[in-house]
Amino acid sequence: MNYRMLARICVLFLIFSCLTIPDIAFADSGGFSLTSSGQKVDVGSEVNISVQASHLQGVYGFELKLEYDEDKLQFVDEIQYGLDGIGFYKNDNKGTLTIVFSQLGNDKQEVDIDGTICTLTFRAVAKGNAEFILKSVITSDKNLNTTEFSPDARTSISITGKSGNIPLVPIDMSPPSAPVVKGVENGKTYTENVSATWTEEEGTTTTATLSRDGENPQEYKKGTPISLNGDYVLVVTAKKTSNGLTASTTVRFRIDIPQDEDDDSEDIDEGEDKDDTVKTFTDLDGYRWAEKAIQFLASEGIVKGTSETTFSPGNNIIRADFIVLIVRAFGFTADVDDNFSDVDPSAYYYEAVGIAKKLGITNGVGNNKFNPKEKISRQDMMVLLYRALKIAGIDIHAGSGSDLDRFSDKANIAPYAVEAIQALVANGIVRGDGTSINPLGNATRAEAAVLIYTTYIKYFGS
């Protein structure tokens, strides 16, 4: 943890909490609203509440106060922010949440917000109508000059069903830090049971829940066997508390059913006619869900390892490497007579990026730059793939907004990426982890391989 960052956030919180600050400017109610992921939920189900802003200018940090019906709702300690930075919250367990956020860093700029500020997750614990109220918003510029709004924005949900056997989320938390997911342990063979483990720094409090086929999440203990008679989503959360402020990190990953031995679908690592030349790597333990895709693409020469024996599946993939995957998988060619100014002519990806620019797969990031070595977000990865499919002349169903309804974090998808993600979900190329799609997360090499593999098999044959 960067304690200078923590100190600055704490200062920001104290400033926002003081009622006698002379430089607070008061504004009218402003363009704030609350939206929910569902108007009707069952007891035990989760609902996401998003805070929306219209034409909010010059924001470097903010404080929100939200009231909710604590007898019917339980905050599950998960907040997704619309900006990059650090956020903290204080829950008085009496129906009031105070949320503080700052971008932090001298390189960060004040921004205008027109969309989602943050999204909070609650679990329904009792029947009835539950109301959410956004009581106040205080924004800060880089010099900690603040403006206060009193939006009194509201939304409500109807909760139905029985209230028994709801997995409780702990309120009392201890420090500090976040889990590092090692993955699913499957040993040398993939049997009917797996277990999941993770590591965390000393003193961290973690909770884990396991859900199957849409059932209510149940408590999961590290290393416990999981019978693979259904698809599971495991959610691991670590929390820390300091000076009444709470920070948490949540990691989700999906555990999939293995293919049956009599499954007649193509599988490059099973069957009597297994190709002895199939390329494999020694570091794919814990990545069973991506192993087939990685081996297939490596054998086809579409992906390469980080060495002769390793693939580094958990490493983030950079923008240039994902373009290389697209160009190889689709077989794109073009006369490269121009390229982005920050793409070195001697780089291994020069030709692939040049082809992508020529064909219109990518327009770069502005000012004739591409940022080739920057990590690529999952939503940008999907946008590039969608453009490639269109340019290849593949008839892909456009999809609609309802295709994203099953994802709890759909509000985090940037407007420019909505069309692409809708289409990829509608055509079965993207399915997320079952409950979320994580559009803002940086894509890993394993995730990129699975996305390209799924597309390749679907449209170019096995």
Protein backbone atom coordinates (compact mmCIF):
# COMPACT_ATOMS: atom_id res chain seq x y z
CA MET A 1 0.00 0.00 0.00
CA ASN A 2 1.27 3.49 -0.86
CA TYR A 3 0.82 5.28 2.46
CA ARG A 4 1.27 8.72 0.87
CA MET A 5 -1.78 7.92 -1.25
CA LEU A 6 -3.67 6.72 1.82
CA ALA A 7 -2.72 9.88 3.72
CA ARG A 8 -3.96 12.11 0.90
CA ILE A 9 -7.25 10.23 0.67
CA CYS A 10 -7.69 10.52 4.45
CA VAL A 11 -7.00 14.27 4.25
CA LEU A 12 -9.54 14.53 1.44
CA PHE A 13 -12.08 12.65 3.55
CA LEU A 14 -11.49 14.87 6.57
CA ILE A 15 -11.86 18.00 4.44
CA PHE A 16 -15.08 16.73 2.91
CA SER A 17 -16.45 15.77 6.33
CA CYS A 18 -15.87 19.20 7.89
CA LEU A 19 -18.94 21.42 7.96
CA THR A 20 -17.12 24.72 8.46
CA ILE A 21 -14.87 24.86 5.42
CA PRO A 22 -15.10 28.35 3.91
CA ASP A 23 -14.25 27.41 0.34
CA ILE A 24 -17.09 24.96 -0.32
CA ALA A 25 -19.25 26.21 -3.16
CA PHE A 26 -22.86 25.11 -3.06
CA ALA A 27 -24.60 24.18 -6.30
CA ASP A 28 -28.17 23.25 -7.13
CA SER A 29 -29.32 19.62 -7.22
CA GLY A 30 -27.30 18.97 -10.39
CA GLY A 31 -27.81 16.16 -12.87
CA PHE A 32 -27.49 13.15 -10.58
CA SER A 33 -29.52 9.96 -10.64
CA LEU A 34 -29.53 6.40 -9.28
CA THR A 35 -30.12 3.35 -11.46
CA SER A 36 -30.50 -0.29 -10.41
CA SER A 37 -29.70 -3.52 -12.24
CA GLY A 38 -33.18 -4.82 -11.44
CA GLN A 39 -36.49 -3.49 -10.14
CA LYS A 40 -37.48 -6.82 -8.60
CA VAL A 41 -35.16 -9.34 -6.90
CA ASP A 42 -35.46 -12.38 -4.67
CA VAL A 43 -34.14 -12.56 -1.14
CA GLY A 44 -30.52 -13.69 -1.32
CA SER A 45 -29.97 -12.13 -4.75
CA GLU A 46 -27.63 -9.23 -5.44
CA VAL A 47 -28.54 -5.91 -7.02
CA ASN A 48 -26.22 -3.22 -8.35
CA ILE A 49 -26.92 0.45 -7.73
CA SER A 50 -25.11 2.92 -10.00
CA VAL A 51 -24.62 6.62 -9.30
CA GLN A 52 -24.92 8.59 -12.54
CA ALA A 53 -23.86 12.19 -13.22
CA SER A 54 -24.57 14.52 -16.14
CA HIS A 55 -22.15 17.26 -17.21
CA LEU A 56 -20.11 17.19 -14.00
CA GLN A 57 -17.02 19.29 -14.65
CA GLY A 58 -13.49 19.57 -13.24
CA VAL A 59 -13.55 16.51 -10.96
CA TYR A 60 -10.41 15.19 -9.25
CA GLY A 61 -12.08 13.49 -6.27
CA PHE A 62 -15.51 13.16 -4.73
CA GLU A 63 -17.51 12.16 -1.66
CA LEU A 64 -20.97 10.56 -1.85
CA LYS A 65 -23.49 9.93 0.90
CA LEU A 66 -26.02 7.21 0.12
CA GLU A 67 -28.86 6.01 2.34
CA TYR A 68 -30.45 2.57 2.02
CA ASP A 69 -32.89 0.31 3.93
CA GLU A 70 -30.49 -1.65 6.13
CA ASP A 71 -33.25 -3.95 7.37
CA LYS A 72 -33.84 -5.21 3.83
CA LEU A 73 -30.43 -4.77 2.20
CA GLN A 74 -26.88 -5.73 3.03
CA PHE A 75 -23.93 -3.94 1.47
CA VAL A 76 -21.51 -6.58 0.14
CA ASP A 77 -18.36 -4.43 0.30
CA GLU A 78 -17.90 -4.14 -3.44
CA ILE A 79 -17.63 -0.79 -5.27
CA GLN A 80 -16.64 -0.28 -8.90
CA TYR A 81 -15.52 3.23 -9.82
CA GLY A 82 -15.86 4.99 -13.15
CA LEU A 83 -12.36 6.51 -12.87
CA ASP A 84 -8.90 5.14 -12.13
CA GLY A 85 -7.76 5.91 -8.60
CA ILE A 86 -8.33 4.84 -5.02
CA GLY A 87 -11.65 4.76 -3.21
CA PHE A 88 -12.64 4.18 0.39
CA TYR A 89 -15.97 3.92 2.14
CA LYS A 90 -17.42 4.09 5.62
CA ASN A 91 -20.51 2.05 6.45
CA ASP A 92 -22.21 3.03 9.71
CA ASN A 93 -24.35 -0.17 9.51
CA LYS A 94 -27.38 2.04 10.09
CA GLY A 95 -28.25 2.59 6.46
CA THR A 96 -25.70 5.26 5.52
CA LEU A 97 -22.69 4.81 3.27
CA THR A 98 -20.02 7.48 2.82
CA ILE A 99 -17.81 6.93 -0.23
CA VAL A 100 -14.61 8.89 -0.88
CA PHE A 101 -12.58 8.69 -4.10
CA SER A 102 -9.51 10.42 -5.48
CA GLN A 103 -7.52 9.94 -8.66
CA LEU A 104 -4.20 10.58 -6.86
CA GLY A 105 -0.92 11.47 -8.57
CA ASN A 106 0.49 14.61 -10.08
CA ASP A 107 0.02 13.19 -13.57
CA LYS A 108 -3.75 12.92 -13.14
CA GLN A 109 -5.97 15.64 -14.54
CA GLU A 110 -9.33 17.01 -13.51
CA VAL A 111 -11.97 15.33 -15.67
CA ASP A 112 -15.55 15.91 -16.75
CA ILE A 113 -17.96 13.11 -15.89
CA ASP A 114 -21.01 12.28 -17.95
CA GLY A 115 -22.03 8.78 -16.93
CA THR A 116 -21.39 6.34 -14.10
CA ILE A 117 -19.48 7.64 -11.05
CA CYS A 118 -19.53 4.33 -9.20
CA THR A 119 -21.53 1.13 -8.83
CA LEU A 120 -22.33 -0.52 -5.47
CA THR A 121 -23.49 -4.06 -4.82
CA PHE A 122 -26.15 -4.98 -2.24
CA ARG A 123 -27.71 -8.29 -1.23
CA ALA A 124 -31.44 -8.52 -0.51
CA VAL A 125 -32.03 -9.98 2.98
CA ALA A 126 -35.75 -9.43 3.65
CA LYS A 127 -38.99 -9.05 1.74
CA GLY A 128 -40.50 -5.64 0.98
CA ASN A 129 -39.77 -2.44 -0.91
CA ALA A 130 -36.26 -1.06 -0.41
CA GLU A 131 -35.28 2.52 -1.26
CA PHE A 132 -31.92 4.07 -2.09
CA ILE A 133 -31.35 7.83 -1.69
CA LEU A 134 -28.35 9.82 -2.88
CA LYS A 135 -28.32 12.53 -0.20
CA SER A 136 -25.23 14.53 -1.10
CA VAL A 137 -22.30 14.76 -3.50
CA ILE A 138 -19.16 16.80 -2.87
CA THR A 139 -16.63 17.12 -5.68
CA SER A 140 -13.07 18.37 -5.39
CA ASP A 141 -10.64 19.79 -7.88
CA LYS A 142 -6.90 19.13 -7.72
CA ASN A 143 -6.42 21.97 -5.21
CA LEU A 144 -9.12 20.52 -2.91
CA ASN A 145 -11.59 23.31 -3.73
CA THR A 146 -14.95 21.66 -3.26
CA THR A 147 -18.50 21.98 -4.57
CA GLU A 148 -21.48 20.45 -2.77
CA PHE A 149 -24.66 19.11 -4.40
CA SER A 150 -27.89 17.95 -2.75
CA PRO A 151 -29.47 15.76 -5.41
CA ASP A 152 -31.86 13.70 -3.27
CA ALA A 153 -31.91 11.20 -6.17
CA ARG A 154 -33.85 8.00 -5.50
CA THR A 155 -34.55 4.53 -6.81
CA SER A 156 -36.25 1.51 -5.27
CA ILE A 157 -36.52 -2.25 -5.71
CA SER A 158 -39.08 -4.84 -4.72
CA ILE A 159 -37.75 -7.85 -2.78
CA THR A 160 -39.62 -11.15 -2.82
CA GLY A 161 -38.97 -14.68 -1.54
CA LYS A 162 -37.90 -16.32 1.71
CA SER A 163 -35.14 -14.86 3.85
CA GLY A 164 -33.49 -18.04 5.14
CA ASN A 165 -30.00 -19.37 4.44
CA ILE A 166 -28.54 -16.11 3.13
CA PRO A 167 -24.73 -16.09 3.19
CA LEU A 168 -23.80 -13.13 5.34
CA VAL A 169 -21.03 -10.75 4.40
CA PRO A 170 -18.89 -9.80 7.44
CA ILE A 171 -19.03 -6.19 8.58
CA ASP A 172 -16.08 -6.18 11.00
CA MET A 173 -12.85 -6.21 8.97
CA SER A 174 -9.14 -6.29 9.75
CA PRO A 175 -6.06 -5.14 7.72
CA PRO A 176 -4.61 -5.13 5.15
CA SER A 177 -4.45 -6.25 1.57
CA ALA A 178 -5.67 -8.12 -1.48
CA PRO A 179 -5.70 -11.78 -2.55
CA VAL A 180 -3.52 -13.14 -5.31
CA VAL A 181 -5.39 -15.89 -7.13
CA LYS A 182 -3.14 -18.85 -7.93
CA GLY A 183 -5.89 -20.59 -9.82
CA VAL A 184 -7.71 -23.88 -9.83
CA GLU A 185 -5.64 -26.88 -8.71
CA ASN A 186 -6.19 -29.82 -11.04
CA GLY A 187 -2.96 -31.79 -10.75
CA LYS A 188 -1.81 -33.85 -13.70
CA THR A 189 -5.30 -34.98 -14.70
CA TYR A 190 -8.65 -33.28 -14.61
CA THR A 191 -10.83 -35.29 -12.24
CA GLU A 192 -14.37 -34.76 -11.00
CA ASN A 193 -13.12 -32.53 -8.18
CA VAL A 194 -10.94 -29.43 -8.07
CA SER A 195 -10.02 -27.01 -5.31
CA ALA A 196 -9.08 -23.35 -5.30
CA THR A 197 -6.36 -21.62 -3.28
CA TRP A 198 -5.04 -18.09 -2.99
CA THR A 199 -2.45 -16.21 -1.00
CA GLU A 200 -2.70 -12.95 0.88
CA GLU A 201 -0.47 -10.76 2.99
CA GLU A 202 -0.29 -11.41 6.72
CA GLY A 203 -3.20 -9.93 8.64
CA THR A 204 -5.63 -9.82 5.70
CA THR A 205 -9.23 -10.83 6.20
CA THR A 206 -10.63 -12.66 3.18
CA THR A 207 -14.02 -14.12 2.37
CA ALA A 208 -14.93 -16.40 -0.51
CA THR A 209 -18.27 -17.46 -1.94
CA LEU A 210 -19.10 -20.14 -4.48
CA SER A 211 -22.22 -20.09 -6.65
CA ARG A 212 -23.51 -22.58 -9.21
CA ASP A 213 -26.03 -22.15 -11.99
CA GLY A 214 -27.39 -18.92 -10.55
CA GLU A 215 -27.91 -20.26 -7.02
CA ASN A 216 -27.28 -18.08 -3.97
CA PRO A 217 -23.56 -17.77 -3.16
CA GLN A 218 -22.34 -20.02 -0.34
CA GLU A 219 -19.27 -19.68 1.84
CA TYR A 220 -16.16 -21.32 0.40
CA LYS A 221 -13.09 -22.35 2.40
CA LYS A 222 -9.70 -22.27 0.72
CA GLY A 223 -8.64 -25.65 -0.69
CA THR A 224 -12.08 -27.27 -0.38
CA PRO A 225 -12.89 -29.78 -3.18
CA ILE A 226 -15.52 -28.64 -5.68
CA SER A 227 -17.49 -31.31 -7.50
CA LEU A 228 -17.67 -30.41 -11.17
CA ASN A 229 -21.30 -31.25 -11.88
CA GLY A 230 -22.02 -27.68 -12.90
CA ASP A 231 -20.37 -24.38 -13.78
CA TYR A 232 -19.19 -22.38 -10.78
CA VAL A 233 -18.16 -18.81 -10.10
CA LEU A 234 -15.79 -18.27 -7.17
CA VAL A 235 -15.54 -14.78 -5.67
CA VAL A 236 -12.66 -13.96 -3.30
CA THR A 237 -12.68 -10.62 -1.45
CA ALA A 238 -9.99 -9.11 0.79
CA LYS A 239 -10.63 -6.07 2.97
CA LYS A 240 -8.76 -3.60 5.14
CA THR A 241 -9.88 -0.92 7.56
CA SER A 242 -8.00 2.20 8.59
CA ASN A 243 -9.32 5.20 10.53
CA GLY A 244 -12.89 4.17 9.90
CA LEU A 245 -12.35 3.87 6.14
CA THR A 246 -12.66 0.52 4.42
CA ALA A 247 -11.00 -0.61 1.19
CA SER A 248 -11.64 -3.93 -0.53
CA THR A 249 -10.50 -5.85 -3.57
CA THR A 250 -12.53 -8.58 -5.25
CA VAL A 251 -11.27 -11.20 -7.69
CA ARG A 252 -13.66 -13.46 -9.61
CA PHE A 253 -12.85 -16.50 -11.68
CA ARG A 254 -14.88 -19.20 -13.33
CA ILE A 255 -14.55 -22.97 -12.91
CA ASP A 256 -15.93 -24.81 -15.93
CA ILE A 257 -17.13 -28.36 -16.46
CA PRO A 258 -14.54 -30.50 -18.29
CA GLN A 259 -15.63 -32.09 -21.55
CA ASP A 260 -17.01 -35.60 -21.26
CA GLU A 261 -14.79 -38.34 -22.63
CA ASP A 262 -17.43 -39.20 -25.25
CA ASP A 263 -17.81 -35.57 -26.36
CA ASP A 264 -17.42 -35.60 -30.14
CA SER A 265 -16.24 -31.98 -30.31
CA GLU A 266 -12.71 -31.14 -31.33
CA ASP A 267 -10.18 -31.27 -28.48
CA ILE A 268 -6.51 -30.98 -29.28
CA ASP A 269 -5.26 -32.70 -26.13
CA GLU A 270 -7.59 -35.72 -25.97
CA GLY A 271 -8.57 -38.69 -28.11
CA GLU A 272 -6.83 -41.64 -29.76
CA ASP A 273 -5.58 -39.56 -32.70
CA LYS A 274 -3.80 -36.97 -30.58
CA ASP A 275 -1.21 -35.09 -32.61
CA ASP A 276 2.18 -35.62 -31.02
CA THR A 277 3.34 -32.27 -32.42
CA VAL A 278 0.82 -30.28 -30.38
CA LYS A 279 2.62 -27.39 -28.73
CA THR A 280 2.30 -27.27 -24.96
CA PHE A 281 3.76 -25.28 -22.09
CA THR A 282 4.81 -26.12 -18.56
CA ASP A 283 3.07 -23.22 -16.79
CA LEU A 284 -0.59 -23.88 -17.63
CA ASP A 285 -1.53 -25.41 -14.24
CA GLY A 286 -4.53 -23.48 -12.98
CA TYR A 287 -5.52 -22.46 -16.51
CA ARG A 288 -7.44 -25.54 -17.61
CA TRP A 289 -10.14 -23.28 -19.04
CA ALA A 290 -7.58 -21.78 -21.46
CA GLU A 291 -5.25 -24.74 -22.03
CA LYS A 292 -6.94 -26.06 -25.17
CA ALA A 293 -7.06 -22.60 -26.76
CA ILE A 294 -3.40 -21.87 -25.97
CA GLN A 295 -2.17 -25.23 -27.27
CA PHE A 296 -4.22 -25.00 -30.44
CA LEU A 297 -3.17 -21.46 -31.31
CA ALA A 298 0.47 -22.21 -30.50
CA SER A 299 0.38 -25.29 -32.74
CA GLU A 300 -1.08 -23.16 -35.54
CA GLY A 301 1.63 -20.52 -35.07
CA ILE A 302 -0.90 -17.85 -34.08
CA VAL A 303 0.45 -17.36 -30.57
CA LYS A 304 3.94 -17.80 -29.21
CA GLY A 305 5.16 -18.47 -25.70
CA THR A 306 7.31 -16.22 -23.58
CA SER A 307 9.96 -18.93 -23.90
CA GLU A 308 10.21 -22.37 -25.46
CA THR A 309 8.50 -23.92 -22.45
CA THR A 310 6.41 -21.13 -20.87
CA PHE A 311 3.38 -19.12 -21.95
CA SER A 312 2.86 -16.85 -18.89
CA PRO A 313 -0.95 -17.11 -19.15
CA GLY A 314 -1.64 -14.78 -16.22
CA ASN A 315 0.47 -11.90 -17.58
CA ASN A 316 -1.33 -8.95 -19.13
CA ILE A 317 -1.23 -8.79 -22.92
CA ILE A 318 -0.11 -5.54 -24.56
CA ARG A 319 -1.97 -3.76 -27.35
CA ALA A 320 0.57 -4.64 -30.03
CA ASP A 321 0.53 -8.35 -29.22
CA PHE A 322 -3.26 -8.52 -29.45
CA ILE A 323 -3.13 -6.91 -32.88
CA VAL A 324 -0.55 -9.53 -33.90
CA LEU A 325 -2.98 -12.29 -32.80
CA ILE A 326 -5.83 -10.78 -34.83
CA VAL A 327 -3.74 -10.38 -38.00
CA ARG A 328 -2.39 -13.94 -37.79
CA ALA A 329 -5.72 -15.57 -36.93
CA PHE A 330 -7.66 -13.76 -39.67
CA GLY A 331 -4.83 -13.97 -42.21
CA PHE A 332 -5.05 -10.24 -42.91
CA THR A 333 -2.61 -8.74 -45.42
CA ALA A 334 -2.05 -5.22 -46.74
CA ASP A 335 0.70 -3.02 -48.17
CA VAL A 336 2.09 -1.20 -45.14
CA ASP A 337 2.99 2.24 -46.45
CA ASP A 338 2.28 4.08 -43.20
CA ASN A 339 2.22 3.40 -39.47
CA PHE A 340 1.79 5.08 -36.11
CA SER A 341 4.59 7.39 -35.02
CA ASP A 342 5.30 5.41 -31.83
CA VAL A 343 5.63 2.03 -33.58
CA ASP A 344 9.32 1.27 -34.11
CA PRO A 345 10.01 -0.02 -37.66
CA SER A 346 12.34 -2.64 -36.15
CA ALA A 347 9.67 -3.99 -33.77
CA TYR A 348 8.33 -7.51 -34.40
CA TYR A 349 4.80 -6.10 -34.42
CA TYR A 350 5.46 -3.28 -36.91
CA GLU A 351 3.91 -5.02 -39.92
CA ALA A 352 0.87 -6.35 -38.01
CA VAL A 353 0.05 -2.94 -36.53
CA GLY A 354 0.57 -1.34 -39.94
CA ILE A 355 -1.84 -3.82 -41.52
CA ALA A 356 -4.42 -3.15 -38.79
CA LYS A 357 -4.11 0.60 -39.34
CA LYS A 358 -4.38 0.26 -43.12
CA LEU A 359 -7.52 -1.90 -42.88
CA GLY A 360 -9.15 0.28 -40.23
CA ILE A 361 -9.09 -2.29 -37.41
CA THR A 362 -7.45 0.33 -35.19
CA ASN A 363 -7.30 4.10 -35.39
CA GLY A 364 -4.84 4.38 -32.52
CA VAL A 365 -5.22 6.54 -29.44
CA GLY A 366 -4.94 9.94 -31.15
CA ASN A 367 -2.15 12.14 -32.49
CA ASN A 368 -1.05 9.25 -34.74
CA LYS A 369 -0.01 7.17 -31.74
CA PHE A 370 -0.89 3.58 -30.87
CA ASN A 371 0.71 2.97 -27.43
CA PRO A 372 1.86 -0.49 -28.57
CA LYS A 373 3.34 -1.57 -25.23
CA GLU A 374 0.41 -0.47 -23.09
CA LYS A 375 -1.80 -3.11 -21.45
CA ILE A 376 -5.10 -3.55 -23.25
CA SER A 377 -8.44 -3.46 -21.45
CA ARG A 378 -10.94 -6.24 -22.00
CA GLN A 379 -13.43 -3.87 -23.64
CA ASP A 380 -10.79 -2.51 -26.06
CA MET A 381 -9.79 -6.08 -26.91
CA MET A 382 -13.41 -6.86 -27.78
CA VAL A 383 -13.80 -3.68 -29.84
CA LEU A 384 -10.74 -4.56 -31.97
CA LEU A 385 -11.98 -8.11 -32.51
CA TYR A 386 -15.45 -6.88 -33.50
CA ARG A 387 -13.94 -4.50 -36.07
CA ALA A 388 -11.82 -7.32 -37.44
CA LEU A 389 -14.90 -9.51 -37.89
CA LYS A 390 -16.71 -6.73 -39.74
CA ILE A 391 -13.73 -5.99 -41.96
CA ALA A 392 -13.38 -9.70 -42.74
CA GLY A 393 -16.94 -9.61 -44.07
CA ILE A 394 -18.28 -12.02 -41.47
CA ASP A 395 -22.02 -11.76 -40.92
CA ILE A 396 -22.25 -11.28 -37.17
CA HIS A 397 -25.55 -10.73 -35.36
CA ALA A 398 -25.63 -7.20 -33.95
CA GLY A 399 -27.09 -8.12 -30.55
CA SER A 400 -29.04 -5.77 -28.29
CA GLY A 401 -28.96 -4.23 -24.85
CA SER A 402 -30.76 -7.23 -23.36
CA ASP A 403 -27.73 -9.40 -24.16
CA LEU A 404 -25.84 -7.56 -21.43
CA ASP A 405 -28.55 -7.71 -18.76
CA ARG A 406 -27.03 -10.76 -17.06
CA PHE A 407 -23.80 -8.90 -16.29
CA SER A 408 -23.83 -7.02 -12.99
CA ASP A 409 -21.16 -4.57 -14.22
CA LYS A 410 -22.66 -3.67 -17.59
CA ALA A 411 -22.85 -0.02 -16.49
CA ASN A 412 -19.03 0.06 -16.58
CA ILE A 413 -18.93 -0.57 -20.33
CA ALA A 414 -17.85 2.56 -22.19
CA PRO A 415 -20.36 3.86 -24.78
CA TYR A 416 -17.92 3.24 -27.65
CA ALA A 417 -17.64 -0.45 -26.67
CA VAL A 418 -21.32 -1.30 -26.15
CA GLU A 419 -22.07 -2.28 -29.77
CA ALA A 420 -19.03 -4.57 -30.00
CA ILE A 421 -19.59 -6.31 -26.65
CA GLN A 422 -23.32 -6.79 -27.33
CA ALA A 423 -22.51 -8.47 -30.63
CA LEU A 424 -19.78 -10.74 -29.23
CA VAL A 425 -22.02 -11.83 -26.35
CA ALA A 426 -25.00 -12.41 -28.66
CA ASN A 427 -22.86 -14.61 -30.94
CA GLY A 428 -21.43 -16.68 -28.09
CA ILE A 429 -17.87 -15.39 -28.45
CA VAL A 430 -17.83 -13.68 -25.05
CA ARG A 431 -19.65 -14.88 -21.95
CA GLY A 432 -17.82 -13.27 -19.01
CA ASP A 433 -17.53 -15.21 -15.77
CA GLY A 434 -21.25 -15.79 -15.56
CA THR A 435 -22.10 -12.72 -13.48
CA SER A 436 -19.75 -9.98 -14.72
CA ILE A 437 -17.84 -9.05 -17.86
CA ASN A 438 -15.11 -6.85 -16.30
CA PRO A 439 -14.81 -4.41 -19.23
CA LEU A 440 -12.27 -2.16 -17.51
CA GLY A 441 -9.91 -4.93 -16.38
CA ASN A 442 -6.65 -5.49 -18.23
CA ALA A 443 -6.80 -8.61 -20.41
CA THR A 444 -4.44 -11.51 -19.71
CA ARG A 445 -2.61 -13.59 -22.29
CA ALA A 446 -4.87 -16.54 -21.43
CA GLU A 447 -8.05 -14.48 -21.91
CA ALA A 448 -6.84 -13.16 -25.25
CA ALA A 449 -6.01 -16.68 -26.42
CA VAL A 450 -9.48 -17.97 -25.51
CA LEU A 451 -11.16 -15.04 -27.29
CA ILE A 452 -9.16 -15.56 -30.49
CA TYR A 453 -9.57 -19.36 -30.32
CA THR A 454 -13.35 -19.13 -29.89
CA THR A 455 -13.58 -16.77 -32.86
CA TYR A 456 -11.26 -18.90 -35.01
CA ILE A 457 -13.16 -22.14 -34.39
CA LYS A 458 -16.56 -20.50 -34.87
CA TYR A 459 -15.82 -18.72 -38.16
CA PHE A 460 -12.83 -20.42 -39.74
CA GLY A 461 -13.45 -24.05 -38.84
CA SER A 462 -11.50 -26.37 -36.52
